[in-house]
Structure formats: structure tokens, C-alpha cells
Amino acid sequence: MGVSTPSRRERLRAETAAEIKTVALRLMAEGGPDAITLRAIAREMGMTAGAIYGYYETRDTLVSALITDVYTSLVDTVEAARDAVPAGDAAGRILAWGQTLREWALANPEGFRLIYGDPVPGYQAPEGGAAAEAAHRACAGLTGLVAAAWPQAVARQPDGYDWTDFDPILTGLVRAEFPGLPPAAVALALRVWGRMHGLVALEVYGHLRGQTRDAGRVYLDELRDLTRSLGLDGGSQSGA
């Protein structure tokens, strides 16, 4: 059986739904999370508020769709960069993930702020769904990077962590997908996330603008220091 071609009406509807999301992100960039309202979007697009509600029933429905798109785009991108590096090159895969995270964030600053910045006031995230799946993939991806480095990193890590030190959902995820990994490795995964995320957030929010002319070099040096702290060699991405 052949694949059916969307009708003109379906194509126009999809284009309008995508434009609504684009306008919402732009409004957030200009006025912060409070600026995302269906009425404001309708004004920007020359539509009636009632017409907007035909695409997204509530503002939270729209925000959920935005978060799903943004988070999925980020995870797809960093996973592809990681998987382009051989599985045995733990340092190279960490560098690939981190550098791609920064590149994606600089290309999509509004999206980065939506998922990692100030929360949208009053937003109630639905249970489960595609956004939760993307967050799960991001968590599993970072933990997988640490799991691959753990044989070299374990001797350098503080001990004394217990599973009760972490959120039960996170604990369940890690124990299901990485059954041999101890609680100390979960703490390490959170620290790795912090080191990758910290400088990127400072750059996206403009805090490095007056501090350095080459934020990319500073970030790459941080990633290299991170891999050395894990007892790994430079990796295939070290000269990037």
C-alpha cells in the first residue's frame, strides 16, 4: 500500500501549527516565559484567539508541544554526535556530546531557555508523553557516558553514596538500564551534567559576552579537563 499524501488543508494546518510554535518561542525570547499566551500569539499572527484555540486547546497544550519538539531535537542531535564516535572511545563520546550540546544551544537559545531556564509560570506538565521520553533519553545518554568511563573513573570518585540519596524515578531508570552501576556513578553523572551545562548556560544567557572572546575554547578546555578527571585519554574529538 502506498503512503497517503497530506491534503492541502492538512498541509496548511501543519504549517500554521508550526508557525504558532515559532511565534511563541520568539515572544518568550523577547518578553520571557510570561509572554507566551495564546492571545498574544493570535495578535502577532493576525488571527483571532478563537482560531488559535482550534490548534492548541490551552496555553499548557502549546507549551507541552514546544517542550516536546525542543527536547526531542536536542536529544536527537547529541545522540547522533555521540554515536558518530566509536563506542570504545569514552572520552571522544563525552566530548562529542558536550560540544554538540553547546552548538545546539547557541543555535536554539530560546529552546534552551525553555527546557533549562526559567519555568513558564503556572505551567502544569502532563504525565508521561513525548517530552518525558526525551528527558528520559537525555538522562540515560549522560548516564551511559559515565557508565562507559566508570572502569577508569571509579578509583577517582568519592564513595559513600546510597540509592536513597537520589530521586526514586532516577534510581529506577539507572538500575533498570545500567544494572551494574553503583550509586556513586549516579552522583558522577549529575556532576558531569553540571560541568557540561554550566558554561553553556552562562553563554546562552550572555554572562560570558564581556568576559572572553573565545567561549568555545574555554568550554572545550573544560570538557578536556572533565575527561582527564575521569582517568580518560584525550579521545578522538580532543583536537576539535
C-alpha atoms as a PDB file:
ATOM      1  CA  MET A   1       0.000   0.000   0.000  1.00  0.00           C
ATOM      2  CA  GLY A   2       1.265   3.482  -0.834  1.00  0.00           C
ATOM      3  CA  VAL A   3       1.703   6.274   1.681  1.00  0.00           C
ATOM      4  CA  SER A   4      -1.136   8.777   1.501  1.00  0.00           C
ATOM      5  CA  THR A   5      -0.199  12.355   0.647  1.00  0.00           C
ATOM      6  CA  PRO A   6      -1.455  15.028   3.056  1.00  0.00           C
ATOM      7  CA  SER A   7      -4.189  17.183   1.611  1.00  0.00           C
ATOM      8  CA  ARG A   8      -3.676  20.900   1.050  1.00  0.00           C
ATOM      9  CA  ARG A   9      -5.815  21.617   4.090  1.00  0.00           C
ATOM     10  CA  GLU A  10      -3.729  19.279   6.247  1.00  0.00           C
ATOM     11  CA  ARG A  11      -0.510  20.882   4.995  1.00  0.00           C
ATOM     12  CA  LEU A  12      -1.778  24.366   5.771  1.00  0.00           C
ATOM     13  CA  ARG A  13      -2.877  23.286   9.224  1.00  0.00           C
ATOM     14  CA  ALA A  14       0.547  21.773   9.949  1.00  0.00           C
ATOM     15  CA  GLU A  15       2.274  24.928   8.704  1.00  0.00           C
ATOM     16  CA  THR A  16       0.100  27.134  10.897  1.00  0.00           C
ATOM     17  CA  ALA A  17       0.684  24.936  13.951  1.00  0.00           C
ATOM     18  CA  ALA A  18       4.443  25.168  13.339  1.00  0.00           C
ATOM     19  CA  GLU A  19       4.230  28.962  12.916  1.00  0.00           C
ATOM     20  CA  ILE A  20       2.374  29.244  16.231  1.00  0.00           C
ATOM     21  CA  LYS A  21       5.279  27.484  17.943  1.00  0.00           C
ATOM     22  CA  THR A  22       7.829  29.722  16.232  1.00  0.00           C
ATOM     23  CA  VAL A  23       5.985  32.857  17.326  1.00  0.00           C
ATOM     24  CA  ALA A  24       5.656  31.509  20.875  1.00  0.00           C
ATOM     25  CA  LEU A  25       9.429  30.991  21.148  1.00  0.00           C
ATOM     26  CA  ARG A  26      10.083  34.456  19.749  1.00  0.00           C
ATOM     27  CA  LEU A  27       7.707  36.042  22.234  1.00  0.00           C
ATOM     28  CA  MET A  28       9.438  34.191  25.046  1.00  0.00           C
ATOM     29  CA  ALA A  29      12.826  35.403  23.827  1.00  0.00           C
ATOM     30  CA  GLU A  30      11.594  38.991  23.779  1.00  0.00           C
ATOM     31  CA  GLY A  31       9.493  39.040  26.943  1.00  0.00           C
ATOM     32  CA  GLY A  32      10.316  35.961  28.991  1.00  0.00           C
ATOM     33  CA  PRO A  33       8.116  32.955  29.792  1.00  0.00           C
ATOM     34  CA  ASP A  34       5.175  35.182  30.813  1.00  0.00           C
ATOM     35  CA  ALA A  35       4.930  36.378  27.205  1.00  0.00           C
ATOM     36  CA  ILE A  36       3.693  33.002  25.951  1.00  0.00           C
ATOM     37  CA  THR A  37      -0.071  33.486  25.747  1.00  0.00           C
ATOM     38  CA  LEU A  38      -2.459  32.334  23.059  1.00  0.00           C
ATOM     39  CA  ARG A  39      -3.956  35.819  22.736  1.00  0.00           C
ATOM     40  CA  ALA A  40      -0.534  37.402  22.198  1.00  0.00           C
ATOM     41  CA  ILE A  41       0.306  34.803  19.573  1.00  0.00           C
ATOM     42  CA  ALA A  42      -3.023  35.402  17.848  1.00  0.00           C
ATOM     43  CA  ARG A  43      -2.294  39.146  17.667  1.00  0.00           C
ATOM     44  CA  GLU A  44       1.160  38.518  16.205  1.00  0.00           C
ATOM     45  CA  MET A  45      -0.243  36.223  13.531  1.00  0.00           C
ATOM     46  CA  GLY A  46      -3.294  38.313  12.693  1.00  0.00           C
ATOM     47  CA  MET A  47      -5.622  35.570  13.886  1.00  0.00           C
ATOM     48  CA  THR A  48      -8.498  35.572  16.317  1.00  0.00           C
ATOM     49  CA  ALA A  49      -7.994  33.977  19.720  1.00  0.00           C
ATOM     50  CA  GLY A  50     -10.721  31.509  18.813  1.00  0.00           C
ATOM     51  CA  ALA A  51      -8.800  30.389  15.748  1.00  0.00           C
ATOM     52  CA  ILE A  52      -5.679  29.716  17.846  1.00  0.00           C
ATOM     53  CA  TYR A  53      -7.729  27.534  20.177  1.00  0.00           C
ATOM     54  CA  GLY A  54      -8.506  25.372  17.163  1.00  0.00           C
ATOM     55  CA  TYR A  55      -4.837  24.361  17.121  1.00  0.00           C
ATOM     56  CA  TYR A  56      -3.997  24.295  20.827  1.00  0.00           C
ATOM     57  CA  GLU A  57      -6.774  23.965  23.367  1.00  0.00           C
ATOM     58  CA  THR A  58      -4.826  25.693  26.143  1.00  0.00           C
ATOM     59  CA  ARG A  59      -1.572  27.531  26.640  1.00  0.00           C
ATOM     60  CA  ASP A  60      -0.248  24.477  28.501  1.00  0.00           C
ATOM     61  CA  THR A  61      -1.018  22.298  25.480  1.00  0.00           C
ATOM     62  CA  LEU A  62       1.110  24.626  23.370  1.00  0.00           C
ATOM     63  CA  VAL A  63       3.936  24.754  25.911  1.00  0.00           C
ATOM     64  CA  SER A  64       3.941  20.951  26.113  1.00  0.00           C
ATOM     65  CA  ALA A  65       4.203  20.732  22.323  1.00  0.00           C
ATOM     66  CA  LEU A  66       7.077  23.236  22.356  1.00  0.00           C
ATOM     67  CA  ILE A  67       8.964  21.379  25.075  1.00  0.00           C
ATOM     68  CA  THR A  68       8.485  18.086  23.254  1.00  0.00           C
ATOM     69  CA  ASP A  69       9.817  19.494  19.981  1.00  0.00           C
ATOM     70  CA  VAL A  70      12.763  21.256  21.603  1.00  0.00           C
ATOM     71  CA  TYR A  71      13.809  18.431  23.903  1.00  0.00           C
ATOM     72  CA  THR A  72      13.499  15.828  21.156  1.00  0.00           C
ATOM     73  CA  SER A  73      15.570  17.973  18.787  1.00  0.00           C
ATOM     74  CA  LEU A  74      18.301  18.368  21.404  1.00  0.00           C
ATOM     75  CA  VAL A  75      18.459  14.675  22.287  1.00  0.00           C
ATOM     76  CA  ASP A  76      18.367  13.548  18.647  1.00  0.00           C
ATOM     77  CA  THR A  77      21.282  15.889  17.910  1.00  0.00           C
ATOM     78  CA  VAL A  78      23.555  14.953  20.819  1.00  0.00           C
ATOM     79  CA  GLU A  79      22.847  11.239  20.410  1.00  0.00           C
ATOM     80  CA  ALA A  80      23.788  11.409  16.722  1.00  0.00           C
ATOM     81  CA  ALA A  81      27.054  13.175  17.581  1.00  0.00           C
ATOM     82  CA  ARG A  82      27.854  10.626  20.283  1.00  0.00           C
ATOM     83  CA  ASP A  83      27.078   7.686  18.024  1.00  0.00           C
ATOM     84  CA  ALA A  84      29.379   9.030  15.312  1.00  0.00           C
ATOM     85  CA  VAL A  85      32.282   8.273  17.680  1.00  0.00           C
ATOM     86  CA  PRO A  86      33.344   4.643  18.240  1.00  0.00           C
ATOM     87  CA  ALA A  87      31.747   3.030  21.296  1.00  0.00           C
ATOM     88  CA  GLY A  88      35.179   2.246  22.768  1.00  0.00           C
ATOM     89  CA  ASP A  89      36.223   5.912  22.770  1.00  0.00           C
ATOM     90  CA  ALA A  90      34.644   7.043  26.050  1.00  0.00           C
ATOM     91  CA  ALA A  91      36.456  10.378  26.101  1.00  0.00           C
ATOM     92  CA  GLY A  92      35.597  11.132  22.475  1.00  0.00           C
ATOM     93  CA  ARG A  93      31.917  10.406  23.060  1.00  0.00           C
ATOM     94  CA  ILE A  94      31.825  12.738  26.077  1.00  0.00           C
ATOM     95  CA  LEU A  95      33.493  15.478  24.054  1.00  0.00           C
ATOM     96  CA  ALA A  96      31.126  14.941  21.129  1.00  0.00           C
ATOM     97  CA  TRP A  97      28.044  15.099  23.372  1.00  0.00           C
ATOM     98  CA  GLY A  98      29.260  18.213  25.203  1.00  0.00           C
ATOM     99  CA  GLN A  99      30.383  20.159  22.153  1.00  0.00           C
ATOM    100  CA  THR A 100      27.174  19.343  20.311  1.00  0.00           C
ATOM    101  CA  LEU A 101      25.118  20.424  23.321  1.00  0.00           C
ATOM    102  CA  ARG A 102      26.812  23.824  23.168  1.00  0.00           C
ATOM    103  CA  GLU A 103      26.393  24.157  19.388  1.00  0.00           C
ATOM    104  CA  TRP A 104      22.714  23.244  19.615  1.00  0.00           C
ATOM    105  CA  ALA A 105      22.108  25.658  22.491  1.00  0.00           C
ATOM    106  CA  LEU A 106      23.728  28.572  20.673  1.00  0.00           C
ATOM    107  CA  ALA A 107      21.677  27.796  17.558  1.00  0.00           C
ATOM    108  CA  ASN A 108      18.469  27.411  19.613  1.00  0.00           C
ATOM    109  CA  PRO A 109      18.794  29.782  22.593  1.00  0.00           C
ATOM    110  CA  GLU A 110      15.035  30.173  23.072  1.00  0.00           C
ATOM    111  CA  GLY A 111      14.622  26.398  23.131  1.00  0.00           C
ATOM    112  CA  PHE A 112      17.468  26.005  25.622  1.00  0.00           C
ATOM    113  CA  ARG A 113      15.879  28.587  27.887  1.00  0.00           C
ATOM    114  CA  LEU A 114      12.501  26.865  27.601  1.00  0.00           C
ATOM    115  CA  ILE A 115      13.754  23.491  28.851  1.00  0.00           C
ATOM    116  CA  TYR A 116      16.622  24.593  31.108  1.00  0.00           C
ATOM    117  CA  GLY A 117      15.827  28.178  32.073  1.00  0.00           C
ATOM    118  CA  ASP A 118      13.064  29.917  33.960  1.00  0.00           C
ATOM    119  CA  PRO A 119       9.858  27.844  34.114  1.00  0.00           C
ATOM    120  CA  VAL A 120       6.730  29.087  32.369  1.00  0.00           C
ATOM    121  CA  PRO A 121       4.583  30.493  35.215  1.00  0.00           C
ATOM    122  CA  GLY A 122       1.649  28.257  36.080  1.00  0.00           C
ATOM    123  CA  TYR A 123       2.557  25.576  33.561  1.00  0.00           C
ATOM    124  CA  GLN A 124       1.476  22.076  34.544  1.00  0.00           C
ATOM    125  CA  ALA A 125       3.390  19.379  32.687  1.00  0.00           C
ATOM    126  CA  PRO A 126       1.339  16.315  31.714  1.00  0.00           C
ATOM    127  CA  GLU A 127       2.266  12.884  32.987  1.00  0.00           C
ATOM    128  CA  GLY A 128       4.369  10.884  30.549  1.00  0.00           C
ATOM    129  CA  GLY A 129       4.272  11.795  26.879  1.00  0.00           C
ATOM    130  CA  ALA A 130       6.961  12.535  24.329  1.00  0.00           C
ATOM    131  CA  ALA A 131       8.615  15.288  26.401  1.00  0.00           C
ATOM    132  CA  ALA A 132       9.092  12.895  29.299  1.00  0.00           C
ATOM    133  CA  GLU A 133      10.508  10.319  26.888  1.00  0.00           C
ATOM    134  CA  ALA A 134      13.045  12.843  25.561  1.00  0.00           C
ATOM    135  CA  ALA A 135      14.064  13.747  29.128  1.00  0.00           C
ATOM    136  CA  HIS A 136      14.461  10.029  29.852  1.00  0.00           C
ATOM    137  CA  ARG A 137      16.708   9.657  26.806  1.00  0.00           C
ATOM    138  CA  ALA A 138      18.849  12.634  27.868  1.00  0.00           C
ATOM    139  CA  CYS A 139      19.279  11.191  31.347  1.00  0.00           C
ATOM    140  CA  ALA A 140      20.059   7.729  30.014  1.00  0.00           C
ATOM    141  CA  GLY A 141      22.503   9.174  27.497  1.00  0.00           C
ATOM    142  CA  LEU A 142      24.509  11.052  30.107  1.00  0.00           C
ATOM    143  CA  THR A 143      24.466   8.084  32.450  1.00  0.00           C
ATOM    144  CA  GLY A 144      25.650   5.890  29.602  1.00  0.00           C
ATOM    145  CA  LEU A 145      28.627   8.184  29.047  1.00  0.00           C
ATOM    146  CA  VAL A 146      29.548   7.783  32.707  1.00  0.00           C
ATOM    147  CA  ALA A 147      28.955   4.024  32.623  1.00  0.00           C
ATOM    148  CA  ALA A 148      31.459   3.706  29.757  1.00  0.00           C
ATOM    149  CA  ALA A 149      34.014   5.762  31.696  1.00  0.00           C
ATOM    150  CA  TRP A 150      33.336   4.146  35.071  1.00  0.00           C
ATOM    151  CA  PRO A 151      36.092   1.465  34.942  1.00  0.00           C
ATOM    152  CA  GLN A 152      38.696   4.236  34.663  1.00  0.00           C
ATOM    153  CA  ALA A 153      36.857   6.793  36.813  1.00  0.00           C
ATOM    154  CA  VAL A 154      35.861   4.663  39.807  1.00  0.00           C
ATOM    155  CA  ALA A 155      39.185   4.971  41.648  1.00  0.00           C
ATOM    156  CA  ARG A 156      38.956   8.774  41.499  1.00  0.00           C
ATOM    157  CA  GLN A 157      35.414   9.112  42.890  1.00  0.00           C
ATOM    158  CA  PRO A 158      34.220   9.692  46.452  1.00  0.00           C
ATOM    159  CA  ASP A 159      32.309   6.793  47.949  1.00  0.00           C
ATOM    160  CA  GLY A 160      29.507   6.602  50.492  1.00  0.00           C
ATOM    161  CA  TYR A 161      26.532   7.258  48.223  1.00  0.00           C
ATOM    162  CA  ASP A 162      23.383   5.212  48.612  1.00  0.00           C
ATOM    163  CA  TRP A 163      20.401   4.754  46.288  1.00  0.00           C
ATOM    164  CA  THR A 164      18.265   6.650  48.806  1.00  0.00           C
ATOM    165  CA  ASP A 165      20.341   9.772  48.048  1.00  0.00           C
ATOM    166  CA  PHE A 166      18.613  10.090  44.675  1.00  0.00           C
ATOM    167  CA  ASP A 167      15.121  10.564  43.322  1.00  0.00           C
ATOM    168  CA  PRO A 168      13.309   7.212  43.125  1.00  0.00           C
ATOM    169  CA  ILE A 169      12.424   7.723  39.463  1.00  0.00           C
ATOM    170  CA  LEU A 170      16.069   8.408  38.588  1.00  0.00           C
ATOM    171  CA  THR A 171      17.152   5.445  40.680  1.00  0.00           C
ATOM    172  CA  GLY A 172      14.698   3.159  38.910  1.00  0.00           C
ATOM    173  CA  LEU A 173      15.839   4.351  35.489  1.00  0.00           C
ATOM    174  CA  VAL A 174      19.528   3.815  36.232  1.00  0.00           C
ATOM    175  CA  ARG A 175      19.105   0.431  37.905  1.00  0.00           C
ATOM    176  CA  ALA A 176      16.969  -0.815  35.009  1.00  0.00           C
ATOM    177  CA  GLU A 177      19.236   0.378  32.199  1.00  0.00           C
ATOM    178  CA  PHE A 178      22.641   0.103  33.916  1.00  0.00           C
ATOM    179  CA  PRO A 179      22.243  -2.691  36.472  1.00  0.00           C
ATOM    180  CA  GLY A 180      25.948  -2.873  37.299  1.00  0.00           C
ATOM    181  CA  LEU A 181      26.340   0.821  38.040  1.00  0.00           C
ATOM    182  CA  PRO A 182      26.649   1.850  41.730  1.00  0.00           C
ATOM    183  CA  PRO A 183      25.076   4.944  43.337  1.00  0.00           C
ATOM    184  CA  ALA A 184      28.398   6.827  43.219  1.00  0.00           C
ATOM    185  CA  ALA A 185      28.236   6.696  39.421  1.00  0.00           C
ATOM    186  CA  VAL A 186      24.851   8.430  39.503  1.00  0.00           C
ATOM    187  CA  ALA A 187      26.403  11.236  41.531  1.00  0.00           C
ATOM    188  CA  LEU A 188      29.171  11.433  38.941  1.00  0.00           C
ATOM    189  CA  ALA A 189      26.627  11.617  36.106  1.00  0.00           C
ATOM    190  CA  LEU A 190      24.974  14.605  37.803  1.00  0.00           C
ATOM    191  CA  ARG A 191      28.352  16.299  38.193  1.00  0.00           C
ATOM    192  CA  VAL A 192      29.216  15.653  34.534  1.00  0.00           C
ATOM    193  CA  TRP A 193      25.874  17.181  33.544  1.00  0.00           C
ATOM    194  CA  GLY A 194      26.631  20.215  35.698  1.00  0.00           C
ATOM    195  CA  ARG A 195      30.031  20.752  34.136  1.00  0.00           C
ATOM    196  CA  MET A 196      28.667  20.490  30.605  1.00  0.00           C
ATOM    197  CA  HIS A 197      25.612  22.589  31.318  1.00  0.00           C
ATOM    198  CA  GLY A 198      27.147  25.352  33.425  1.00  0.00           C
ATOM    199  CA  LEU A 199      29.283  27.176  30.883  1.00  0.00           C
ATOM    200  CA  VAL A 200      26.664  26.671  28.171  1.00  0.00           C
ATOM    201  CA  ALA A 201      24.014  28.333  30.338  1.00  0.00           C
ATOM    202  CA  LEU A 202      26.344  31.245  31.145  1.00  0.00           C
ATOM    203  CA  GLU A 203      26.987  31.737  27.430  1.00  0.00           C
ATOM    204  CA  VAL A 204      23.343  31.445  26.352  1.00  0.00           C
ATOM    205  CA  TYR A 205      22.274  33.978  28.972  1.00  0.00           C
ATOM    206  CA  GLY A 206      25.019  36.401  27.893  1.00  0.00           C
ATOM    207  CA  HIS A 207      27.148  36.256  31.021  1.00  0.00           C
ATOM    208  CA  LEU A 208      30.355  35.385  29.141  1.00  0.00           C
ATOM    209  CA  ARG A 209      29.921  38.044  26.468  1.00  0.00           C
ATOM    210  CA  GLY A 210      32.154  40.595  28.177  1.00  0.00           C
ATOM    211  CA  GLN A 211      34.450  38.064  29.780  1.00  0.00           C
ATOM    212  CA  THR A 212      36.060  36.215  26.866  1.00  0.00           C
ATOM    213  CA  ARG A 213      36.385  36.471  23.104  1.00  0.00           C
ATOM    214  CA  ASP A 214      36.526  32.699  22.714  1.00  0.00           C
ATOM    215  CA  ALA A 215      33.932  30.981  24.870  1.00  0.00           C
ATOM    216  CA  GLY A 216      34.217  27.893  22.681  1.00  0.00           C
ATOM    217  CA  ARG A 217      37.853  27.407  23.612  1.00  0.00           C
ATOM    218  CA  VAL A 218      37.082  27.807  27.311  1.00  0.00           C
ATOM    219  CA  TYR A 219      34.292  25.253  27.006  1.00  0.00           C
ATOM    220  CA  LEU A 220      36.434  22.733  25.115  1.00  0.00           C
ATOM    221  CA  ASP A 221      39.163  23.058  27.745  1.00  0.00           C
ATOM    222  CA  GLU A 222      36.541  22.354  30.415  1.00  0.00           C
ATOM    223  CA  LEU A 223      35.455  19.202  28.571  1.00  0.00           C
ATOM    224  CA  ARG A 224      39.060  18.071  28.199  1.00  0.00           C
ATOM    225  CA  ASP A 225      39.645  18.640  31.904  1.00  0.00           C
ATOM    226  CA  LEU A 226      36.470  16.669  32.603  1.00  0.00           C
ATOM    227  CA  THR A 227      37.688  13.644  30.633  1.00  0.00           C
ATOM    228  CA  ARG A 228      41.105  13.810  32.335  1.00  0.00           C
ATOM    229  CA  SER A 229      39.396  13.892  35.729  1.00  0.00           C
ATOM    230  CA  LEU A 230      37.724  10.624  34.774  1.00  0.00           C
ATOM    231  CA  GLY A 231      41.054   8.982  34.009  1.00  0.00           C
ATOM    232  CA  LEU A 232      40.429   9.005  30.247  1.00  0.00           C
ATOM    233  CA  ASP A 233      42.810   9.954  27.491  1.00  0.00           C
ATOM    234  CA  GLY A 234      42.024  12.735  25.037  1.00  0.00           C
ATOM    235  CA  GLY A 235      39.630  10.902  22.756  1.00  0.00           C
ATOM    236  CA  SER A 236      39.119  11.276  19.018  1.00  0.00           C
ATOM    237  CA  GLN A 237      37.445  14.673  19.421  1.00  0.00           C
ATOM    238  CA  SER A 238      40.201  16.250  21.528  1.00  0.00           C
ATOM    239  CA  GLY A 239      41.647  18.254  18.680  1.00  0.00           C
ATOM    240  CA  ALA A 240      38.272  19.644  17.502  1.00  0.00           C
END
